[in-house]
Protein backbone atom coordinates (compact mmCIF):
# COMPACT_ATOMS: atom_id res chain seq x y z
CA MET A 1 -27.77 -39.44 21.27
CA ALA A 2 -26.80 -39.43 17.48
CA TYR A 3 -23.67 -38.01 18.68
CA ASP A 4 -23.50 -40.14 21.65
CA ARG A 5 -23.61 -43.15 19.23
CA TYR A 6 -20.97 -41.48 17.02
CA LEU A 7 -18.52 -41.46 19.71
CA ALA A 8 -19.24 -44.78 20.70
CA ILE A 9 -18.53 -45.99 17.74
CA CYS A 10 -15.48 -43.88 16.22
CA TYR A 11 -13.71 -42.94 19.47
CA PRO A 12 -14.60 -46.17 22.19
CA LEU A 13 -11.89 -45.78 24.13
CA ARG A 14 -11.90 -41.90 24.24
CA TYR A 15 -15.79 -41.93 24.87
CA SER A 16 -15.89 -41.07 28.50
CA SER A 17 -14.54 -38.10 29.16
CA LEU A 18 -15.21 -36.71 25.47
CA MET A 19 -19.05 -36.84 27.01
CA ASN A 20 -18.11 -35.74 29.88
CA MET A 21 -16.70 -33.05 28.25
CA SER A 22 -20.01 -32.32 26.13
CA SER A 23 -23.06 -33.87 27.38
CA ALA A 24 -23.92 -30.40 29.75
CA ARG A 25 -23.63 -28.47 26.43
CA LEU A 26 -25.21 -30.39 24.24
CA SER A 27 -28.62 -30.42 26.74
CA LEU A 28 -28.48 -26.80 27.52
CA SER A 29 -28.61 -26.21 23.67
CA SER A 30 -31.28 -28.50 23.45
CA TRP A 31 -33.04 -27.35 25.85
CA LEU A 32 -32.88 -23.99 25.07
CA GLY A 33 -32.93 -24.26 21.44
CA GLY A 34 -36.49 -26.15 21.87
CA PHE A 35 -37.77 -23.71 24.17
CA LEU A 36 -36.91 -20.45 21.95
CA ALA A 37 -38.58 -22.26 18.55
CA PHE A 38 -41.72 -23.43 20.50
CA SER A 39 -41.98 -19.86 22.41
CA LEU A 40 -42.41 -18.34 19.14
CA LEU A 41 -44.61 -20.78 17.81
CA THR A 42 -46.73 -20.17 21.08
CA PHE A 43 -46.61 -16.26 21.07
CA LEU A 44 -48.43 -16.60 17.59
CA THR A 45 -50.57 -19.10 18.59
CA SER A 46 -51.93 -16.92 21.44
CA ARG A 47 -52.62 -14.17 18.94
CA LEU A 48 -54.87 -16.01 16.84
CA THR A 49 -58.57 -15.79 16.96
CA PHE A 50 -60.68 -19.03 17.52
CA CYS A 51 -64.35 -19.44 16.83
CA GLY A 52 -66.81 -22.29 16.02
CA LEU A 53 -65.72 -25.30 17.17
CA ASN A 54 -63.54 -25.93 19.71
CA VAL A 55 -62.93 -29.86 19.66
CA ILE A 56 -59.89 -30.55 18.31
CA ASN A 57 -59.85 -33.53 15.42
CA HIS A 58 -56.36 -35.04 16.69
CA PHE A 59 -55.82 -37.31 19.43
CA LEU A 60 -53.09 -34.22 21.13
CA CYS A 61 -53.29 -30.27 20.67
CA ASP A 62 -51.19 -30.67 17.11
CA ILE A 63 -50.04 -27.07 15.54
CA ASP A 64 -52.16 -28.04 12.36
CA SER A 65 -55.34 -29.42 14.29
CA CYS A 66 -55.09 -25.60 16.26
CA LEU A 67 -54.42 -24.03 13.00
CA ALA A 68 -57.75 -25.70 11.53
CA LEU A 69 -59.61 -24.07 14.51
CA SER A 70 -58.56 -20.38 14.41
CA CYS A 71 -60.97 -17.46 12.42
CA SER A 72 -58.25 -15.44 12.17
CA ASP A 73 -55.39 -15.05 9.03
CA ILE A 74 -53.10 -17.89 9.65
CA TRP A 75 -50.48 -17.59 7.19
CA PRO A 76 -48.22 -15.93 9.21
CA MET A 77 -48.19 -19.18 11.68
CA GLU A 78 -48.42 -21.28 9.25
CA LEU A 79 -45.03 -19.78 7.87
CA ALA A 80 -43.42 -19.88 10.92
CA THR A 81 -44.23 -22.96 11.63
CA PHE A 82 -42.74 -23.92 8.30
CA LEU A 83 -39.46 -22.14 8.41
CA VAL A 84 -39.52 -23.33 12.93
CA SER A 85 -40.09 -26.66 11.31
CA ILE A 86 -36.83 -26.56 8.75
CA ILE A 87 -34.46 -25.01 11.05
CA VAL A 88 -35.07 -27.28 13.91
CA VAL A 89 -35.98 -30.48 12.02
CA VAL A 90 -34.17 -30.58 8.76
CA ALA A 91 -31.08 -28.88 10.82
CA PHE A 92 -30.98 -31.78 13.07
CA CYS A 93 -31.71 -34.49 10.64
CA VAL A 94 -28.26 -33.14 8.60
CA VAL A 95 -26.42 -33.45 11.91
CA THR A 96 -27.59 -37.09 12.45
CA LEU A 97 -26.89 -37.95 8.79
CA VAL A 98 -23.80 -37.01 9.29
CA SER A 99 -23.09 -38.93 12.16
CA TYR A 100 -24.45 -42.01 10.81
CA ILE A 101 -22.09 -41.43 7.78
CA TYR A 102 -19.08 -41.16 10.35
CA ILE A 103 -20.91 -44.58 11.85
CA LEU A 104 -21.48 -46.37 8.93
CA SER A 105 -17.93 -45.65 7.54
CA SER A 106 -16.45 -46.85 11.14
CA ILE A 107 -18.56 -50.30 10.96
CA LEU A 108 -17.59 -51.07 7.26
CA ARG A 109 -13.92 -50.52 8.11
CA ILE A 110 -14.02 -53.05 10.94
CA GLN A 111 -16.28 -55.62 9.19
CA SER A 112 -18.24 -56.90 11.82
CA ALA A 113 -21.59 -58.60 10.99
CA HIS A 114 -22.90 -58.12 14.38
CA GLY A 115 -21.90 -54.14 14.63
CA GLN A 116 -24.01 -53.68 11.38
CA LYS A 117 -26.55 -55.38 12.26
CA LYS A 118 -26.62 -52.93 15.37
CA ALA A 119 -26.19 -49.87 13.14
CA SER A 120 -29.00 -50.84 11.42
CA ALA A 121 -31.23 -51.53 13.53
CA HIS A 122 -30.92 -47.98 15.13
CA LEU A 123 -30.81 -46.34 12.04
CA SER A 124 -34.59 -47.35 10.98
CA VAL A 125 -35.84 -46.29 13.85
CA VAL A 126 -34.26 -43.14 13.73
CA THR A 127 -35.70 -42.91 9.63
CA ILE A 128 -39.05 -44.29 10.45
CA TRP A 129 -38.73 -40.97 13.30
CA TYR A 130 -37.56 -38.23 10.82
CA GLY A 131 -39.40 -39.17 7.85
CA SER A 132 -42.92 -38.83 9.58
CA THR A 133 -41.60 -35.85 11.59
CA MET A 134 -40.46 -34.49 8.35
CA PHE A 135 -44.13 -35.20 6.69
CA LEU A 136 -45.85 -33.95 9.58
CA TYR A 137 -43.98 -30.38 10.20
CA VAL A 138 -41.93 -29.81 6.67
CA LYS A 139 -44.62 -29.07 4.11
CA PRO A 140 -46.68 -26.39 3.63
CA SER A 141 -50.21 -25.99 5.50
CA ALA A 142 -52.69 -28.25 4.39
CA PRO A 143 -56.26 -28.42 6.86
CA ASN A 144 -57.57 -30.99 5.05
CA SER A 145 -54.99 -34.20 5.63
CA LEU A 146 -55.70 -33.99 9.03
CA ASP A 147 -56.06 -37.47 9.16
CA LEU A 148 -53.27 -38.37 7.72
CA ASN A 149 -51.39 -36.53 10.12
CA LYS A 150 -53.51 -38.52 12.49
CA LEU A 151 -52.05 -42.12 11.01
CA VAL A 152 -48.19 -39.94 10.70
CA ASN A 153 -48.42 -39.02 14.24
CA THR A 154 -49.11 -42.43 15.50
CA PHE A 155 -45.62 -43.68 13.79
CA THR A 156 -44.04 -40.36 16.06
CA THR A 157 -45.51 -41.36 18.91
CA VAL A 158 -46.17 -44.82 19.16
CA VAL A 159 -44.37 -47.19 16.94
CA THR A 160 -41.25 -45.45 17.20
CA PRO A 161 -40.62 -45.52 21.46
CA LEU A 162 -42.65 -49.09 21.20
CA LEU A 163 -39.25 -50.29 18.60
CA ASN A 164 -36.71 -48.84 21.11
CA PRO A 165 -37.16 -51.69 23.72
CA PHE A 166 -36.32 -54.04 20.73
CA ILE A 167 -33.29 -52.19 19.48
CA TYR A 168 -31.68 -51.14 22.52
CA THR A 169 -32.57 -54.06 25.12
CA LEU A 170 -33.11 -57.12 23.24
CA ARG A 171 -29.85 -56.87 22.32
CA ASN A 172 -28.37 -57.44 25.19
CA LYS A 173 -27.23 -61.29 26.01
CA GLU A 174 -28.53 -60.50 30.13
CA VAL A 175 -32.56 -59.89 28.94
CA LYS A 176 -32.35 -62.22 26.17
CA GLN A 177 -31.52 -64.99 28.63
CA ALA A 178 -34.01 -63.70 31.28
CA LEU A 179 -36.40 -63.50 28.53
CA ARG A 180 -36.15 -66.88 27.47
CA GLN A 181 -36.33 -68.30 31.13
CA ALA A 182 -40.10 -66.36 31.56
CA PHE A 183 -41.25 -68.14 28.68
CA GLN A 184 -39.87 -71.17 29.64
CA LYS A 185 -41.89 -71.27 33.24
CA LYS A 186 -45.13 -70.81 31.05
């Protein structure tokens, strides 16, 4: 998405041709990278032994909540999770950050208040998502923080997707007009 926004803002006339050339490669690399990263974690999790309570202290099956249930040595799994998280989350955060640096420099050159407002709204959603994801995964394990992880996971799974319609569709003039008409009828 950051690359898409980068091309749309920095190269608007060449956007279609550049995106057509790279969209399949971006999709394939994302799917393959995600599959490989989480296949490793799934394999390591399947080798753990679980005993005692079988109730996951979370509203989704997160890796920390699964590790808290294990009665075997989880240090290798924690290390693998930490390393995969650093590679995946931080690497993509750096790519996104570099992309947004180029976007912001292009927008500041345009000197358009509307363009600056659009970029800052999108950047706030990206910041919330990356901030909460880094807090959840790029840290040493702390089994006592499962309640805090649930709260932070709420931002990643609920708040960020809830903000997306406001940021992406409510900027559209037709959507705003349709909402005004719907509220005026009531």
